[in-house]
Amino acid sequence: MADSATQVPSGSSLESVKHVVLVLSGKGGVGKSTVTSQLACALVARGQKVGVLDIDLCGPSIPRMFGLQGQSIHQCAQGWVPVYADKEKQLAVMSIGFLLGGEDEPVVWRGPKKSAMIQQFVGEVYWSELDFLLVDTPPGTSDEHIAVVEALRSYKPDGAVLVTTPQGVALNDVRREASFCKKARIPILGIVENMSGFVCPHCSEPSNVFSTGGGEKLAAEISVPFLGRIPIDPALGMALETGERYMEKFPESEVSKVVNDVIEPLLHLPSRDAQTTAVST
């Protein structure tokens, strides 16, 4: 008989979601949302159907990155319907940003209300069939993280991608995030070092304006895979501001090459059916 912890609850909003991956970092400003958005676009380009759940309730930037400002969500019999970022409906997005009156409206909530909102996002969004659900999280290891881990526990997330920058101050915070994952029993799929070097907009040559290699050293230190270094590219920043698809526009860029490398292990994750079979007796 299969272990009930590996079985997605029947009739749940995530019943038809094959893989759930969290994007985490203990440090703010390291580019979790940027990494999440580009992973989503890369997976869609590989024929995957992807959902992005933005649980950064106080700083929802995902709608802007996909050019979805001003969009609103609707309800159907199965729950909230996410906003689609493409005509083919291969990329679905849910964010608190769609529920606010405007981009300047703050979310001034205490912990319990935040936790209740996250539980609603996890349990009441009708994603339909997805290959991947990427969960973009706020920095830290507090209320929102505990709430999403508890809400997702019965859905058995595949694991977390940790995002850091090369500097020591960010690495220390990511160490704490790794400890959080261990305590919460979330597998760490690997570490991405973001803002690692700068790509010149004129010659496209990278240069290390900050230190480099910190993410790889941390991955070795805590014995998890190192997934790659994403450099700073001004063209990526512009694309995120305007909601353009950077990887479609610059498929040969260093950023695009690294992001495509990062998704390779995600594409080879075992299915939930395989996980259930593995623990069956």
Protein backbone atom coordinates (compact mmCIF):
# COMPACT_ATOMS: atom_id res chain seq x y z
CA MET A 1 0.00 0.00 0.00
CA ALA A 2 1.38 3.45 -0.92
CA ASP A 3 2.47 5.89 1.75
CA SER A 4 -0.34 8.46 2.05
CA ALA A 5 2.23 11.28 2.30
CA THR A 6 3.08 10.77 -1.38
CA GLN A 7 -0.51 10.90 -2.59
CA VAL A 8 -2.05 14.17 -3.71
CA PRO A 9 -5.50 14.61 -2.14
CA SER A 10 -8.22 13.58 -4.59
CA GLY A 11 -10.13 16.53 -6.05
CA SER A 12 -7.51 19.07 -4.94
CA SER A 13 -6.45 22.01 -7.08
CA LEU A 14 -2.98 20.46 -7.50
CA GLU A 15 -4.19 16.97 -8.38
CA SER A 16 -3.16 17.43 -12.03
CA VAL A 17 0.15 19.18 -11.31
CA LYS A 18 3.09 16.87 -12.04
CA HIS A 19 5.86 18.80 -10.28
CA VAL A 20 5.98 21.52 -7.59
CA VAL A 21 9.24 23.45 -7.22
CA LEU A 22 9.86 26.27 -4.73
CA VAL A 23 12.29 29.10 -5.47
CA LEU A 24 13.84 30.23 -2.19
CA SER A 25 16.50 32.48 -0.71
CA GLY A 26 17.06 33.82 2.76
CA LYS A 27 18.15 37.15 1.27
CA GLY A 28 16.05 39.82 -0.42
CA GLY A 29 17.21 41.38 -3.68
CA VAL A 30 19.02 38.33 -5.04
CA GLY A 31 16.64 37.94 -7.98
CA LYS A 32 14.33 35.07 -7.01
CA SER A 33 11.49 36.45 -9.11
CA THR A 34 13.82 37.02 -12.05
CA VAL A 35 15.07 33.45 -11.83
CA THR A 36 11.52 32.11 -11.42
CA SER A 37 10.26 33.99 -14.46
CA GLN A 38 13.11 32.83 -16.68
CA LEU A 39 12.85 29.21 -15.51
CA ALA A 40 9.15 29.34 -16.36
CA CYS A 41 9.81 30.74 -19.85
CA ALA A 42 12.56 28.18 -20.50
CA LEU A 43 10.29 25.31 -19.46
CA VAL A 44 7.47 26.59 -21.69
CA ALA A 45 9.94 26.78 -24.59
CA ARG A 46 10.64 23.08 -23.99
CA GLY A 47 6.96 22.23 -24.40
CA GLN A 48 6.03 22.20 -20.71
CA LYS A 49 2.83 23.65 -19.29
CA VAL A 50 3.84 25.86 -16.37
CA GLY A 51 2.19 27.73 -13.52
CA VAL A 52 3.85 30.45 -11.44
CA LEU A 53 2.49 31.04 -7.94
CA ASP A 54 3.75 34.33 -6.51
CA ILE A 55 3.49 34.24 -2.70
CA ASP A 56 5.61 37.34 -2.14
CA LEU A 57 2.56 39.09 -0.73
CA CYS A 58 4.25 42.38 0.15
CA GLY A 59 6.33 42.69 -3.02
CA PRO A 60 4.55 40.97 -5.93
CA SER A 61 6.73 41.59 -8.98
CA ILE A 62 5.78 38.58 -11.10
CA PRO A 63 2.80 40.29 -12.86
CA ARG A 64 5.07 43.08 -14.17
CA MET A 65 7.74 40.62 -15.31
CA PHE A 66 5.18 38.87 -17.51
CA GLY A 67 3.51 42.09 -18.67
CA LEU A 68 0.29 41.29 -16.80
CA GLN A 69 -0.23 44.50 -14.80
CA GLY A 70 -3.88 45.45 -14.53
CA GLN A 71 -5.13 41.91 -15.17
CA SER A 72 -7.71 40.43 -12.82
CA ILE A 73 -8.61 36.92 -11.81
CA HIS A 74 -11.99 35.26 -12.11
CA GLN A 75 -13.71 32.39 -10.39
CA CYS A 76 -15.13 29.20 -11.80
CA ALA A 77 -16.81 26.24 -10.13
CA GLN A 78 -13.39 24.74 -9.32
CA GLY A 79 -11.92 27.91 -7.79
CA TRP A 80 -9.87 30.91 -8.88
CA VAL A 81 -8.75 30.93 -12.50
CA PRO A 82 -5.14 32.08 -12.95
CA VAL A 83 -4.11 34.72 -15.47
CA TYR A 84 -2.52 33.33 -18.63
CA ALA A 85 0.56 35.00 -20.07
CA ASP A 86 0.16 33.56 -23.58
CA LYS A 87 -2.59 32.74 -26.04
CA GLU A 88 -1.74 29.05 -25.96
CA LYS A 89 -2.37 28.97 -22.18
CA GLN A 90 0.96 27.26 -21.54
CA LEU A 91 1.96 29.75 -18.83
CA ALA A 92 -0.43 30.52 -15.98
CA VAL A 93 0.22 33.06 -13.20
CA MET A 94 -1.35 33.72 -9.81
CA SER A 95 -0.30 36.65 -7.63
CA ILE A 96 -1.67 38.90 -4.91
CA GLY A 97 -0.90 41.67 -7.41
CA PHE A 98 -4.05 40.72 -9.33
CA LEU A 99 -6.18 41.30 -6.23
CA LEU A 100 -4.90 44.78 -5.37
CA GLY A 101 -6.39 48.08 -6.50
CA GLY A 102 -3.11 49.19 -8.08
CA GLU A 103 0.64 48.63 -8.10
CA ASP A 104 1.10 51.22 -5.35
CA GLU A 105 -1.38 49.63 -2.96
CA PRO A 106 0.46 48.11 0.03
CA VAL A 107 -0.39 44.82 1.72
CA VAL A 108 -0.50 45.69 5.43
CA TRP A 109 -1.34 42.31 6.92
CA ARG A 110 -0.32 40.44 10.03
CA GLY A 111 0.97 36.88 9.89
CA PRO A 112 -2.33 34.99 10.26
CA LYS A 113 -3.94 36.82 7.34
CA LYS A 114 -0.87 36.20 5.17
CA SER A 115 -0.98 32.51 6.06
CA ALA A 116 -4.68 32.30 5.21
CA MET A 117 -4.05 33.94 1.83
CA ILE A 118 -1.27 31.48 1.00
CA GLN A 119 -3.48 28.55 1.96
CA GLN A 120 -6.12 29.90 -0.42
CA PHE A 121 -3.57 30.26 -3.21
CA VAL A 122 -2.40 26.69 -2.73
CA GLY A 123 -5.82 25.12 -2.29
CA GLU A 124 -8.24 27.20 -4.34
CA VAL A 125 -6.52 28.07 -7.64
CA TYR A 126 -7.73 25.95 -10.55
CA TRP A 127 -4.50 25.28 -12.45
CA SER A 128 -5.97 22.47 -14.56
CA GLU A 129 -3.16 20.24 -15.89
CA LEU A 130 0.40 21.49 -15.33
CA ASP A 131 3.82 19.96 -15.83
CA PHE A 132 5.39 22.39 -13.36
CA LEU A 133 4.19 24.74 -10.66
CA LEU A 134 6.96 27.18 -9.66
CA VAL A 135 6.41 28.89 -6.32
CA ASP A 136 8.11 32.28 -6.05
CA THR A 137 8.67 33.08 -2.36
CA PRO A 138 9.61 36.18 -0.36
CA PRO A 139 12.97 36.36 1.44
CA GLY A 140 13.43 34.88 4.88
CA THR A 141 12.28 31.81 6.77
CA SER A 142 9.23 33.10 8.63
CA ASP A 143 5.43 33.18 8.34
CA GLU A 144 5.04 32.92 4.57
CA HIS A 145 7.53 30.08 4.27
CA ILE A 146 6.03 28.09 7.11
CA ALA A 147 2.55 28.65 5.66
CA VAL A 148 3.47 27.48 2.15
CA VAL A 149 5.38 24.45 3.40
CA GLU A 150 2.44 23.41 5.59
CA ALA A 151 -0.06 24.05 2.79
CA LEU A 152 2.02 22.03 0.29
CA ARG A 153 3.01 19.20 2.63
CA SER A 154 0.33 16.78 1.42
CA TYR A 155 1.25 17.57 -2.21
CA LYS A 156 4.85 16.39 -1.72
CA PRO A 157 6.84 19.19 -3.46
CA ASP A 158 9.75 17.97 -5.56
CA GLY A 159 12.08 20.40 -3.81
CA ALA A 160 13.57 23.87 -3.83
CA VAL A 161 15.95 25.83 -6.00
CA LEU A 162 18.00 28.20 -3.81
CA VAL A 163 19.04 31.53 -5.32
CA THR A 164 22.03 33.51 -4.10
CA THR A 165 24.41 36.21 -5.25
CA PRO A 166 28.18 35.73 -4.95
CA GLN A 167 28.69 38.02 -1.93
CA GLY A 168 29.25 36.58 1.52
CA VAL A 169 26.31 38.40 3.13
CA ALA A 170 23.88 36.70 0.72
CA LEU A 171 25.57 33.33 1.12
CA ASN A 172 25.12 33.44 4.89
CA ASP A 173 21.39 34.01 4.48
CA VAL A 174 21.12 31.18 1.96
CA ARG A 175 22.86 28.86 4.43
CA ARG A 176 20.01 29.62 6.82
CA GLU A 177 17.51 28.90 4.05
CA ALA A 178 19.21 25.56 3.44
CA SER A 179 18.86 24.78 7.15
CA PHE A 180 15.18 25.71 6.91
CA CYS A 181 14.75 23.27 4.02
CA LYS A 182 16.41 20.53 6.04
CA LYS A 183 14.14 21.14 9.05
CA ALA A 184 11.06 21.34 6.81
CA ARG A 185 12.16 18.21 4.90
CA ILE A 186 12.21 19.98 1.55
CA PRO A 187 14.79 18.48 -0.84
CA ILE A 188 17.25 21.04 -2.22
CA LEU A 189 17.40 20.59 -5.98
CA GLY A 190 20.38 22.89 -6.31
CA ILE A 191 21.80 26.40 -6.00
CA VAL A 192 21.78 29.14 -8.65
CA GLU A 193 24.30 31.97 -8.37
CA ASN A 194 22.54 35.03 -9.77
CA MET A 195 24.17 38.37 -10.73
CA SER A 196 27.44 36.52 -11.25
CA GLY A 197 29.41 38.84 -13.50
CA PHE A 198 28.21 41.54 -15.89
CA VAL A 199 27.55 41.10 -19.61
CA CYS A 200 28.71 44.17 -21.56
CA PRO A 201 25.84 45.44 -23.76
CA HIS A 202 28.33 46.41 -26.49
CA CYS A 203 30.70 43.45 -26.78
CA SER A 204 28.69 40.83 -24.82
CA GLU A 205 31.81 39.88 -22.87
CA PRO A 206 31.24 39.05 -19.17
CA SER A 207 33.27 40.70 -16.39
CA ASN A 208 33.18 40.08 -12.64
CA VAL A 209 32.10 43.37 -11.10
CA PHE A 210 31.30 41.50 -7.89
CA SER A 211 32.99 38.41 -6.53
CA THR A 212 32.15 35.10 -8.17
CA GLY A 213 32.06 31.44 -7.26
CA GLY A 214 30.41 31.82 -3.86
CA GLY A 215 27.32 29.87 -4.87
CA GLU A 216 29.36 26.96 -6.16
CA LYS A 217 31.41 26.84 -2.94
CA LEU A 218 28.23 26.89 -0.86
CA ALA A 219 26.74 24.05 -2.92
CA ALA A 220 29.85 21.98 -2.27
CA GLU A 221 29.78 22.89 1.42
CA ILE A 222 26.21 21.66 1.94
CA SER A 223 26.49 18.82 -0.60
CA VAL A 224 23.85 19.90 -3.11
CA PRO A 225 24.08 20.38 -6.90
CA PHE A 226 25.35 23.67 -8.28
CA LEU A 227 23.04 24.57 -11.15
CA GLY A 228 24.83 27.53 -12.73
CA ARG A 229 25.85 31.20 -12.72
CA ILE A 230 23.49 33.76 -14.25
CA PRO A 231 25.27 37.01 -15.18
CA ILE A 232 23.83 40.53 -15.03
CA ASP A 233 22.52 41.45 -18.46
CA PRO A 234 20.98 44.93 -18.98
CA ALA A 235 18.80 43.48 -21.73
CA LEU A 236 17.21 41.11 -19.21
CA GLY A 237 16.46 44.01 -16.89
CA MET A 238 14.77 45.91 -19.71
CA ALA A 239 12.75 42.86 -20.75
CA LEU A 240 11.48 42.34 -17.21
CA GLU A 241 10.41 45.99 -16.99
CA THR A 242 8.42 45.78 -20.21
CA GLY A 243 7.12 42.21 -19.86
CA GLU A 244 8.96 40.98 -22.97
CA ARG A 245 10.16 37.39 -23.38
CA TYR A 246 13.91 37.83 -22.98
CA MET A 247 14.81 34.25 -23.89
CA GLU A 248 12.82 34.41 -27.13
CA LYS A 249 14.53 37.66 -28.07
CA PHE A 250 18.05 36.63 -27.01
CA PRO A 251 18.20 32.83 -27.32
CA GLU A 252 22.00 32.78 -27.75
CA SER A 253 22.77 35.01 -24.77
CA GLU A 254 24.81 33.74 -21.83
CA VAL A 255 21.78 34.14 -19.55
CA SER A 256 19.62 32.00 -21.84
CA LYS A 257 22.29 29.30 -22.07
CA VAL A 258 22.66 29.11 -18.29
CA VAL A 259 18.90 29.08 -17.64
CA ASN A 260 18.48 26.25 -20.14
CA ASP A 261 21.17 24.33 -18.27
CA VAL A 262 19.40 24.99 -14.95
CA ILE A 263 16.11 23.47 -16.13
CA GLU A 264 17.71 20.22 -17.34
CA PRO A 265 17.59 18.48 -13.94
CA LEU A 266 14.03 19.75 -13.45
CA LEU A 267 12.97 18.09 -16.69
CA HIS A 268 14.30 14.78 -15.38
CA LEU A 269 12.55 14.82 -12.01
CA PRO A 270 10.67 11.58 -11.30
CA SER A 271 6.90 11.82 -11.60
CA ARG A 272 4.62 11.58 -8.59
CA ASP A 273 3.48 8.19 -9.86
CA ALA A 274 7.07 6.99 -9.81
CA GLN A 275 7.56 8.38 -6.29
CA THR A 276 4.41 6.64 -5.10
CA THR A 277 5.52 3.34 -6.63
CA ALA A 278 8.93 3.67 -4.99
CA VAL A 279 7.43 3.84 -1.49
CA SER A 280 4.66 1.30 -2.04
CA THR A 281 4.78 -1.98 -0.14
